[in-house]
Amino acid sequence: MPPATPDLASLRRRIQAIESGGGPAAVLPLGIAAVDAALPGGGLVLNGLHEIMGAGTDEEDGAVAAAFAAGLLARLARRRGAPILWCLAADDLYGPGLAAHGLMPDRLVLARCRNDGDILWAMEEGARSAVLAAVLGEIGLLAPTAGRRLQLAAEASGVTVIALRRWRSGELAARQREAPSPALTRWRIAALPSRDAAAPGIGTPLWRVELLRCRGGVPANWVMEEGDATGHVALAAALADGPAAPRRRAG
C-alpha cells in the first residue's frame, strides 16, 4: 500500500518544528476549533512575538484590540502562575475593563515609558526575564531590527511578547500595516454592531477577528463574541457551525 499522505495540520507542525530548531513549540489554544486549526501547532506559540492591532485609528477599535490582548494575557498569567508586564506611554489604561476580560490587577505590572524607544527597551528587558508570563507593549513604530530582537528574546526565555499597535495618525498606520515584521502572527480586531441589541450599547458585543499573517499558517477571519472574564472568546452563535473560511494566501 502507498504511504499515507500527511494532512495539512501535520505539515504545519513539521514546519514549526524545523523553524524552532527542535520539537513542536508550546502553544496556547484559543479553544475554538476553527481558529486553532489555522494556527501551526493548534494555538498561539508561546515563545514568540505576536502583533495585535485595531482596524483603524479610532478609540473604539483600539479598545477592542486591547481587550482581545487582555484575554490572551489573562490566560497566560493563569497558565504560568506569573505576572504580566504591560508597557505604555499614554495614561489611559482602564483597569475594570482589563478585569472584565480576566486580567486582574494582582497579575499586572505597569511600566510607564516616555516614547516607543523606551517601550521597546522595557519590552526586551521583560522578555528576557523568566519570572514573567508575558510582556505587552503599546507601540506605533516597530522597526524590523527591534522586532527581531524581541522575537529572539522570546525564543530564548519562553516569555510571550505582544506588540499592541497604537497609531496617532492614519498615514503612520497605513505604512506600518504594510511593513514586514518578524512577528509569528499579526491580528486585526474591529468592533461590530452588537447582536440582539434592544437599545444602543445593549446586546452581545461582537468583534471581527482577522488573522492577517501567520508564519506557517493561513490567514483567516471570524466574527466572535466579545471575550468574557475567563479570557476566552467564542464564535458568534450564527457562525458556530460554519466559521468564516480562511482567505487564500497572497501570491
Protein backbone atom coordinates (compact mmCIF):
# COMPACT_ATOMS: atom_id res chain seq x y z
CA MET A 1 0.00 0.00 0.00
CA PRO A 2 1.28 3.52 -0.75
CA PRO A 3 2.29 5.55 2.30
CA ALA A 4 -0.38 7.78 3.79
CA THR A 5 -0.30 11.40 2.71
CA PRO A 6 0.28 13.71 5.69
CA ASP A 7 -2.57 16.11 6.36
CA LEU A 8 -2.17 19.89 6.38
CA ALA A 9 -2.06 20.12 10.19
CA SER A 10 0.78 17.59 10.34
CA LEU A 11 2.76 19.50 7.72
CA ARG A 12 2.32 22.74 9.66
CA ARG A 13 3.59 21.07 12.84
CA ARG A 14 6.66 19.80 10.96
CA ILE A 15 7.37 23.28 9.59
CA GLN A 16 7.05 24.78 13.07
CA ALA A 17 9.44 22.16 14.47
CA ILE A 18 12.01 22.88 11.75
CA GLU A 19 11.77 26.65 12.25
CA SER A 20 12.09 26.34 16.03
CA GLY A 21 15.09 24.04 15.71
CA GLY A 22 13.55 21.24 17.75
CA GLY A 23 10.29 19.64 18.76
CA PRO A 24 6.85 21.21 18.49
CA ALA A 25 6.60 24.60 20.17
CA ALA A 26 4.39 25.03 23.24
CA VAL A 27 1.16 26.81 22.35
CA LEU A 28 -1.88 28.44 23.94
CA PRO A 29 -5.01 27.10 22.22
CA LEU A 30 -7.73 29.70 21.76
CA GLY A 31 -10.29 26.97 22.40
CA ILE A 32 -12.10 27.44 19.07
CA ALA A 33 -11.53 24.59 16.63
CA ALA A 34 -11.69 26.78 13.52
CA VAL A 35 -9.15 29.25 14.91
CA ASP A 36 -6.76 26.70 16.37
CA ALA A 37 -6.80 24.79 13.07
CA ALA A 38 -5.49 27.90 11.32
CA LEU A 39 -2.54 28.15 13.72
CA PRO A 40 0.50 25.86 13.40
CA GLY A 41 0.59 23.52 16.38
CA GLY A 42 -3.04 24.26 17.25
CA GLY A 43 -2.61 27.53 19.13
CA LEU A 44 -0.63 30.68 19.76
CA VAL A 45 3.07 29.90 20.01
CA LEU A 46 4.22 30.89 23.49
CA ASN A 47 7.89 31.68 22.89
CA GLY A 48 7.33 34.25 20.18
CA LEU A 49 6.34 37.78 19.18
CA HIS A 50 2.73 38.47 18.15
CA GLU A 51 1.13 41.67 16.86
CA ILE A 52 -2.40 42.85 17.64
CA MET A 53 -3.95 45.99 16.15
CA GLY A 54 -7.27 47.74 15.77
CA ALA A 55 -8.85 48.02 12.35
CA GLY A 56 -8.50 51.82 12.39
CA THR A 57 -7.02 54.64 14.43
CA ASP A 58 -10.15 55.44 16.46
CA GLU A 59 -10.51 54.73 20.18
CA GLU A 60 -13.16 52.02 19.79
CA ASP A 61 -11.04 49.74 17.61
CA GLY A 62 -8.04 50.40 19.85
CA ALA A 63 -10.10 49.40 22.87
CA VAL A 64 -11.28 46.10 21.36
CA ALA A 65 -7.73 45.25 20.29
CA ALA A 66 -6.59 45.84 23.88
CA ALA A 67 -9.48 43.72 25.16
CA PHE A 68 -8.55 40.84 22.85
CA ALA A 69 -4.95 41.07 24.06
CA ALA A 70 -6.03 41.24 27.71
CA GLY A 71 -7.96 37.99 27.37
CA LEU A 72 -4.90 36.21 25.98
CA LEU A 73 -2.68 37.67 28.70
CA ALA A 74 -5.11 36.64 31.44
CA ARG A 75 -4.96 33.04 30.30
CA LEU A 76 -1.17 33.14 30.04
CA ALA A 77 -0.92 34.52 33.60
CA ARG A 78 -3.10 31.71 34.96
CA ARG A 79 -1.32 29.03 32.94
CA ARG A 80 2.15 30.05 34.12
CA GLY A 81 1.26 31.44 37.54
CA ALA A 82 3.32 34.53 36.78
CA PRO A 83 2.68 38.26 36.25
CA ILE A 84 2.25 40.25 33.05
CA LEU A 85 4.37 43.30 32.17
CA TRP A 86 2.35 45.98 30.31
CA CYS A 87 4.46 48.80 28.83
CA LEU A 88 2.76 52.03 27.74
CA ALA A 89 3.23 55.75 27.24
CA ALA A 90 -0.36 57.03 27.38
CA ASP A 91 -2.07 57.12 30.77
CA ASP A 92 -5.35 55.64 29.54
CA LEU A 93 -5.34 52.00 30.65
CA TYR A 94 -8.75 51.10 32.14
CA GLY A 95 -8.35 48.60 34.97
CA PRO A 96 -12.01 47.48 35.26
CA GLY A 97 -12.03 46.81 31.51
CA LEU A 98 -8.98 44.56 31.80
CA ALA A 99 -10.54 42.77 34.79
CA ALA A 100 -13.71 42.17 32.76
CA HIS A 101 -11.54 40.12 30.40
CA GLY A 102 -9.83 38.19 33.20
CA LEU A 103 -6.65 40.25 33.63
CA MET A 104 -6.68 41.11 37.33
CA PRO A 105 -4.60 43.90 38.96
CA ASP A 106 -2.59 41.47 41.11
CA ARG A 107 -1.26 39.86 37.92
CA LEU A 108 -0.27 43.14 36.25
CA VAL A 109 2.95 45.15 36.36
CA LEU A 110 2.86 48.52 34.56
CA ALA A 111 5.88 50.23 33.02
CA ARG A 112 5.15 53.88 32.17
CA CYS A 113 7.50 54.98 29.37
CA ARG A 114 8.14 58.23 27.52
CA ASN A 115 8.10 57.00 23.92
CA ASP A 116 8.25 53.99 21.61
CA GLY A 117 12.00 53.64 22.06
CA ASP A 118 11.66 53.32 25.83
CA ILE A 119 8.74 50.93 25.44
CA LEU A 120 10.76 48.66 23.14
CA TRP A 121 13.65 48.69 25.62
CA ALA A 122 11.32 47.74 28.50
CA MET A 123 9.69 45.02 26.40
CA GLU A 124 13.03 43.44 25.54
CA GLU A 125 14.23 43.55 29.14
CA GLY A 126 10.97 41.97 30.26
CA ALA A 127 11.11 39.35 27.53
CA ARG A 128 14.47 38.20 28.88
CA SER A 129 13.06 37.66 32.38
CA ALA A 130 11.89 34.14 33.15
CA VAL A 131 9.75 35.41 36.05
CA LEU A 132 7.13 36.86 33.68
CA ALA A 133 4.36 35.05 31.84
CA ALA A 134 4.20 37.61 29.04
CA VAL A 135 5.11 41.15 28.01
CA LEU A 136 2.90 43.61 26.12
CA GLY A 137 3.97 46.94 24.72
CA GLU A 138 1.73 49.63 23.22
CA ILE A 139 3.77 50.93 20.28
CA GLY A 140 3.34 52.75 17.00
CA LEU A 141 6.70 52.17 15.31
CA LEU A 142 8.22 48.69 15.20
CA ALA A 143 11.40 48.60 13.14
CA PRO A 144 12.40 45.18 11.74
CA THR A 145 15.57 45.10 13.85
CA ALA A 146 13.64 45.80 17.06
CA GLY A 147 11.08 43.17 16.13
CA ARG A 148 13.77 40.56 15.54
CA ARG A 149 15.35 41.34 18.91
CA LEU A 150 12.00 40.81 20.63
CA GLN A 151 11.44 37.55 18.76
CA LEU A 152 14.91 36.25 19.71
CA ALA A 153 14.38 37.24 23.35
CA ALA A 154 11.05 35.42 23.42
CA GLU A 155 12.56 32.30 21.87
CA ALA A 156 15.38 32.27 24.44
CA SER A 157 13.23 32.83 27.55
CA GLY A 158 9.87 31.31 26.61
CA VAL A 159 8.12 34.58 27.53
CA THR A 160 5.28 35.50 25.17
CA VAL A 161 5.65 39.00 23.68
CA ILE A 162 2.73 41.01 22.28
CA ALA A 163 3.07 44.26 20.35
CA LEU A 164 -0.22 46.13 20.70
CA ARG A 165 -0.04 48.59 17.82
CA ARG A 166 -1.34 52.09 18.52
CA TRP A 167 -1.17 54.87 15.95
CA ARG A 168 -1.90 58.56 16.28
CA SER A 169 -2.18 59.12 12.53
CA GLY A 170 -3.74 57.24 9.64
CA GLU A 171 -0.64 57.76 7.48
CA LEU A 172 1.62 56.04 10.02
CA ALA A 173 -0.91 53.24 10.44
CA ALA A 174 -1.01 52.60 6.69
CA ARG A 175 2.80 52.44 6.43
CA GLN A 176 3.22 50.19 9.43
CA ARG A 177 0.48 47.75 8.39
CA GLU A 178 2.36 47.09 5.15
CA ALA A 179 5.80 46.93 6.77
CA PRO A 180 7.46 43.50 7.09
CA SER A 181 7.52 42.05 10.59
CA PRO A 182 9.23 39.11 12.29
CA ALA A 183 6.10 38.50 14.39
CA LEU A 184 4.78 34.95 14.24
CA THR A 185 1.20 36.20 13.96
CA ARG A 186 -0.49 39.51 13.14
CA TRP A 187 -4.11 40.07 14.26
CA ARG A 188 -6.57 42.87 13.45
CA ILE A 189 -9.63 43.39 15.66
CA ALA A 190 -12.65 45.54 14.85
CA ALA A 191 -15.85 46.25 16.75
CA LEU A 192 -19.08 45.21 15.05
CA PRO A 193 -22.68 46.19 15.88
CA SER A 194 -23.98 44.24 18.88
CA ARG A 195 -26.26 41.29 18.24
CA ASP A 196 -29.86 41.40 19.50
CA ALA A 197 -29.41 44.96 20.71
CA ALA A 198 -32.66 46.36 22.11
CA ALA A 199 -31.02 49.77 22.57
CA PRO A 200 -27.63 51.36 21.78
CA GLY A 201 -24.91 49.74 23.89
CA ILE A 202 -27.12 46.82 24.91
CA GLY A 203 -26.72 43.37 23.43
CA THR A 204 -23.94 40.87 22.78
CA PRO A 205 -20.81 42.75 21.66
CA LEU A 206 -19.25 41.30 18.53
CA TRP A 207 -15.75 41.53 17.08
CA ARG A 208 -14.31 40.83 13.68
CA VAL A 209 -11.07 38.98 14.36
CA GLU A 210 -8.68 38.74 11.40
CA LEU A 211 -5.54 36.66 11.34
CA LEU A 212 -3.68 38.77 8.80
CA ARG A 213 -0.41 36.87 8.89
CA CYS A 214 0.71 33.60 10.43
CA ARG A 215 4.11 32.02 9.93
CA GLY A 216 3.45 28.51 8.65
CA GLY A 217 -0.32 29.09 8.65
CA VAL A 218 -3.08 30.56 6.52
CA PRO A 219 -4.77 33.98 7.00
CA ALA A 220 -8.42 33.79 8.03
CA ASN A 221 -11.14 35.84 9.70
CA TRP A 222 -14.02 35.19 12.06
CA VAL A 223 -16.90 37.00 13.78
CA MET A 224 -16.63 36.43 17.53
CA GLU A 225 -18.46 37.35 20.67
CA GLU A 226 -16.52 39.61 23.00
CA GLY A 227 -14.25 37.75 25.43
CA ASP A 228 -15.54 37.08 28.95
CA ALA A 229 -14.00 37.22 32.43
CA THR A 230 -12.20 33.92 31.82
CA GLY A 231 -10.28 35.46 28.93
CA HIS A 232 -11.91 33.15 26.39
CA VAL A 233 -13.60 34.22 23.16
CA ALA A 234 -16.24 32.35 21.18
CA LEU A 235 -17.53 32.34 17.64
CA ALA A 236 -20.73 34.28 17.21
CA ALA A 237 -23.68 31.91 17.59
CA ALA A 238 -24.75 32.26 13.96
CA LEU A 239 -21.29 31.12 12.85
CA ALA A 240 -20.65 28.41 15.43
CA ASP A 241 -21.39 25.66 12.92
CA GLY A 242 -19.78 27.40 9.93
CA PRO A 243 -16.94 29.82 10.66
CA ALA A 244 -15.60 32.18 8.07
CA ALA A 245 -13.38 30.37 5.60
CA PRO A 246 -9.65 31.04 5.54
CA ARG A 247 -8.59 33.51 2.87
CA ARG A 248 -6.23 32.48 0.11
CA ARG A 249 -2.60 33.22 0.77
CA ALA A 250 -1.43 36.21 -1.25
CA GLY A 251 0.73 35.30 -4.23
